[in-house]
Amino acid sequence: MCRNIHQLANFEPAASDDEVHAAALQFVRKISGSTKPSKANQEAFDRAVHEIAHISQHLLDDLVINAAPKNREIEAEKAKERSAKRFATA
């Protein structure tokens, strides 16, 4: 799917409204095939982002997760290490 959409569940602190909105925006961009919609499609695009962000927040609020919350800094460091390994030159 979209590489720019990151997992938002089970983090401490919980995902912010901005993070949920950013993920919804990336999702709508991906499925619409457009990063910037035309004026004719702007209202539908914005409505889709709003609705997906809204329902995504409900999902995050309703999930029951038994694992301990992840630490954002530690997960970011792991991602940097994976990226460095992946894009390392010989």
Protein backbone atom coordinates (compact mmCIF):
# COMPACT_ATOMS: atom_id res chain seq x y z
CA MET A 1 0.00 0.00 0.00
CA CYS A 2 1.36 3.45 0.80
CA ARG A 3 4.81 3.48 2.29
CA ASN A 4 4.13 6.89 3.79
CA ILE A 5 1.26 5.66 5.92
CA HIS A 6 2.68 4.50 9.22
CA GLN A 7 1.15 2.36 11.91
CA LEU A 8 -0.72 4.57 14.36
CA ALA A 9 -2.07 2.01 16.83
CA ASN A 10 -0.45 1.08 20.14
CA PHE A 11 1.91 4.02 20.60
CA GLU A 12 2.49 6.13 23.65
CA PRO A 13 1.52 8.91 23.36
CA ALA A 14 -1.44 8.04 21.16
CA ALA A 15 -1.62 9.23 17.56
CA SER A 16 -2.49 12.89 17.23
CA ASP A 17 -5.30 14.25 15.07
CA ASP A 18 -2.65 15.58 12.68
CA GLU A 19 -1.11 12.12 12.27
CA VAL A 20 -4.49 10.54 11.60
CA HIS A 21 -5.33 13.29 9.09
CA ALA A 22 -1.96 12.86 7.33
CA ALA A 23 -2.54 9.12 6.98
CA ALA A 24 -6.05 9.72 5.61
CA LEU A 25 -4.68 12.26 3.13
CA GLN A 26 -2.03 9.80 1.90
CA PHE A 27 -4.67 7.10 1.53
CA VAL A 28 -6.99 9.33 -0.50
CA ARG A 29 -4.08 10.50 -2.67
CA LYS A 30 -3.13 6.92 -3.36
CA ILE A 31 -6.58 5.63 -4.27
CA SER A 32 -7.51 8.73 -6.27
CA GLY A 33 -4.20 8.81 -8.13
CA SER A 34 -3.94 12.53 -7.47
CA THR A 35 -1.81 14.51 -5.05
CA LYS A 36 -3.70 17.71 -5.81
CA PRO A 37 -7.24 17.34 -7.12
CA SER A 38 -8.78 19.68 -9.66
CA LYS A 39 -11.19 22.35 -8.47
CA ALA A 40 -14.05 20.17 -9.70
CA ASN A 41 -12.92 17.32 -7.43
CA GLN A 42 -11.63 19.32 -4.45
CA GLU A 43 -14.83 19.03 -2.39
CA ALA A 44 -15.10 15.25 -2.87
CA PHE A 45 -11.38 14.86 -2.11
CA ASP A 46 -11.59 16.91 1.09
CA ARG A 47 -14.76 15.12 2.21
CA ALA A 48 -13.09 11.73 1.69
CA VAL A 49 -10.05 12.79 3.72
CA HIS A 50 -12.28 14.07 6.52
CA GLU A 51 -14.45 10.93 6.61
CA ILE A 52 -11.51 8.53 6.48
CA ALA A 53 -9.70 10.43 9.24
CA HIS A 54 -12.89 10.36 11.32
CA ILE A 55 -13.48 6.62 10.97
CA SER A 56 -9.75 5.91 11.43
CA GLN A 57 -9.84 7.74 14.76
CA HIS A 58 -12.85 5.63 15.80
CA LEU A 59 -10.91 2.50 14.88
CA LEU A 60 -7.87 3.58 16.90
CA ASP A 61 -10.09 4.45 19.87
CA ASP A 62 -11.93 1.12 19.76
CA LEU A 63 -9.01 -1.29 19.23
CA VAL A 64 -8.26 -3.60 22.13
CA ILE A 65 -4.52 -4.21 22.26
CA ASN A 66 -2.97 -6.34 24.98
CA ALA A 67 0.66 -5.59 24.11
CA ALA A 68 2.56 -2.82 25.84
CA PRO A 69 2.54 0.48 23.92
CA LYS A 70 5.50 1.12 21.64
CA ASN A 71 7.88 3.99 22.19
CA ARG A 72 7.90 6.41 19.24
CA GLU A 73 11.59 7.30 19.56
CA ILE A 74 12.71 3.67 19.67
CA GLU A 75 10.54 2.76 16.66
CA ALA A 76 11.88 5.77 14.72
CA GLU A 77 15.45 4.68 15.46
CA LYS A 78 14.69 1.14 14.27
CA ALA A 79 13.23 2.57 11.05
CA LYS A 80 16.37 4.67 10.48
CA GLU A 81 18.55 1.59 10.97
CA ARG A 82 16.44 -0.43 8.49
CA SER A 83 16.64 2.42 5.99
CA ALA A 84 20.39 2.75 6.37
CA LYS A 85 20.81 -0.98 5.80
CA ARG A 86 18.45 -0.99 2.84
CA PHE A 87 20.07 1.96 1.05
CA ALA A 88 23.67 1.29 2.04
CA THR A 89 26.13 1.38 -0.85
CA ALA A 90 28.85 -1.18 -1.31
